[in-house]
Amino acid sequence: MDAHLVEATIEAYLTEIRNQLDKAAGIGRAADACAGAGFHEKGLEVALDIEQPLYEATTLLNAVSLINQIARQS
């Protein structure tokens, strides 16, 4: 694999992982604010929205790890 392409791909994936984790953190802060204001059920409902960005971040992490392994073997 072309080293520059691998580096650019890894950088892009890591940026997107950070974006997804930032999104999840924002949802977590919103859920915490709801709970802190006494709206515990709404806080839980909001917190459940964390699942999708965490799933996407995990999937991207698995993909970038695989890309890195393949690049090392080349």
C-alpha atoms as a PDB file:
ATOM      1  CA  MET A   1       0.000   0.000   0.000  1.00  0.00           C
ATOM      2  CA  ASP A   2       1.106   3.548  -0.691  1.00  0.00           C
ATOM      3  CA  ALA A   3       2.440   4.995   2.577  1.00  0.00           C
ATOM      4  CA  HIS A   4       1.028   8.479   1.945  1.00  0.00           C
ATOM      5  CA  LEU A   5      -2.413   7.075   1.193  1.00  0.00           C
ATOM      6  CA  VAL A   6      -2.307   4.963   4.355  1.00  0.00           C
ATOM      7  CA  GLU A   7      -1.286   7.966   6.463  1.00  0.00           C
ATOM      8  CA  ALA A   8      -4.019  10.163   4.972  1.00  0.00           C
ATOM      9  CA  THR A   9      -6.616   7.444   5.490  1.00  0.00           C
ATOM     10  CA  ILE A  10      -5.569   6.839   9.088  1.00  0.00           C
ATOM     11  CA  GLU A  11      -5.640  10.565   9.803  1.00  0.00           C
ATOM     12  CA  ALA A  12      -9.124  10.921   8.291  1.00  0.00           C
ATOM     13  CA  TYR A  13     -10.456   7.936  10.229  1.00  0.00           C
ATOM     14  CA  LEU A  14      -8.982   9.188  13.511  1.00  0.00           C
ATOM     15  CA  THR A  15     -10.553  12.593  12.924  1.00  0.00           C
ATOM     16  CA  GLU A  16     -13.930  10.971  12.333  1.00  0.00           C
ATOM     17  CA  ILE A  17     -13.492   8.812  15.453  1.00  0.00           C
ATOM     18  CA  ARG A  18     -12.857  11.993  17.437  1.00  0.00           C
ATOM     19  CA  ASN A  19     -15.951  13.605  15.902  1.00  0.00           C
ATOM     20  CA  GLN A  20     -18.119  10.635  16.860  1.00  0.00           C
ATOM     21  CA  LEU A  21     -16.723  10.585  20.404  1.00  0.00           C
ATOM     22  CA  ASP A  22     -17.310  14.342  20.703  1.00  0.00           C
ATOM     23  CA  LYS A  23     -20.901  13.770  19.617  1.00  0.00           C
ATOM     24  CA  ALA A  24     -21.302  11.012  22.216  1.00  0.00           C
ATOM     25  CA  ALA A  25     -19.769  13.238  24.896  1.00  0.00           C
ATOM     26  CA  GLY A  26     -22.212  16.015  24.030  1.00  0.00           C
ATOM     27  CA  ILE A  27     -25.110  13.614  24.345  1.00  0.00           C
ATOM     28  CA  GLY A  28     -23.712  12.468  27.685  1.00  0.00           C
ATOM     29  CA  ARG A  29     -23.510  16.062  28.913  1.00  0.00           C
ATOM     30  CA  ALA A  30     -27.106  16.660  27.831  1.00  0.00           C
ATOM     31  CA  ALA A  31     -28.254  13.498  29.608  1.00  0.00           C
ATOM     32  CA  ASP A  32     -26.379  14.554  32.736  1.00  0.00           C
ATOM     33  CA  ALA A  33     -27.959  18.003  32.605  1.00  0.00           C
ATOM     34  CA  CYS A  34     -31.418  16.459  32.332  1.00  0.00           C
ATOM     35  CA  ALA A  35     -30.768  14.202  35.292  1.00  0.00           C
ATOM     36  CA  GLY A  36     -29.243  17.070  37.267  1.00  0.00           C
ATOM     37  CA  ALA A  37     -32.399  19.096  36.681  1.00  0.00           C
ATOM     38  CA  GLY A  38     -34.493  16.250  38.061  1.00  0.00           C
ATOM     39  CA  PHE A  39     -35.602  14.798  34.737  1.00  0.00           C
ATOM     40  CA  HIS A  40     -34.096  11.361  35.246  1.00  0.00           C
ATOM     41  CA  GLU A  41     -36.248   9.515  32.731  1.00  0.00           C
ATOM     42  CA  LYS A  42     -35.534  12.110  30.045  1.00  0.00           C
ATOM     43  CA  GLY A  43     -31.835  11.893  30.921  1.00  0.00           C
ATOM     44  CA  LEU A  44     -31.908   8.164  30.338  1.00  0.00           C
ATOM     45  CA  GLU A  45     -33.817   8.615  27.079  1.00  0.00           C
ATOM     46  CA  VAL A  46     -31.204  11.107  25.881  1.00  0.00           C
ATOM     47  CA  ALA A  47     -28.335   8.885  27.056  1.00  0.00           C
ATOM     48  CA  LEU A  48     -29.582   6.031  24.891  1.00  0.00           C
ATOM     49  CA  ASP A  49     -28.737   8.171  21.855  1.00  0.00           C
ATOM     50  CA  ILE A  50     -25.048   7.650  22.707  1.00  0.00           C
ATOM     51  CA  GLU A  51     -25.193   4.148  21.256  1.00  0.00           C
ATOM     52  CA  GLN A  52     -25.003   5.094  17.558  1.00  0.00           C
ATOM     53  CA  PRO A  53     -21.973   7.428  17.674  1.00  0.00           C
ATOM     54  CA  LEU A  54     -20.137   4.949  19.904  1.00  0.00           C
ATOM     55  CA  TYR A  55     -20.931   2.144  17.477  1.00  0.00           C
ATOM     56  CA  GLU A  56     -19.659   4.240  14.578  1.00  0.00           C
ATOM     57  CA  ALA A  57     -16.482   5.165  16.465  1.00  0.00           C
ATOM     58  CA  THR A  58     -15.847   1.505  17.299  1.00  0.00           C
ATOM     59  CA  THR A  59     -16.417   0.452  13.693  1.00  0.00           C
ATOM     60  CA  LEU A  60     -14.035   3.141  12.453  1.00  0.00           C
ATOM     61  CA  LEU A  61     -11.448   2.085  15.026  1.00  0.00           C
ATOM     62  CA  ASN A  62     -11.672  -1.515  13.849  1.00  0.00           C
ATOM     63  CA  ALA A  63     -11.321  -0.397  10.234  1.00  0.00           C
ATOM     64  CA  VAL A  64      -8.316   1.837  10.846  1.00  0.00           C
ATOM     65  CA  SER A  65      -6.659  -0.910  12.873  1.00  0.00           C
ATOM     66  CA  LEU A  66      -7.127  -3.324   9.983  1.00  0.00           C
ATOM     67  CA  ILE A  67      -5.777  -0.783   7.483  1.00  0.00           C
ATOM     68  CA  ASN A  68      -2.727  -0.294   9.684  1.00  0.00           C
ATOM     69  CA  GLN A  69      -2.121  -4.055   9.956  1.00  0.00           C
ATOM     70  CA  ILE A  70      -2.413  -4.517   6.197  1.00  0.00           C
ATOM     71  CA  ALA A  71      -0.064  -1.594   5.579  1.00  0.00           C
ATOM     72  CA  ARG A  72       2.545  -3.069   7.921  1.00  0.00           C
ATOM     73  CA  GLN A  73       2.415  -6.407   6.111  1.00  0.00           C
ATOM     74  CA  SER A  74       2.925  -4.788   2.707  1.00  0.00           C
END
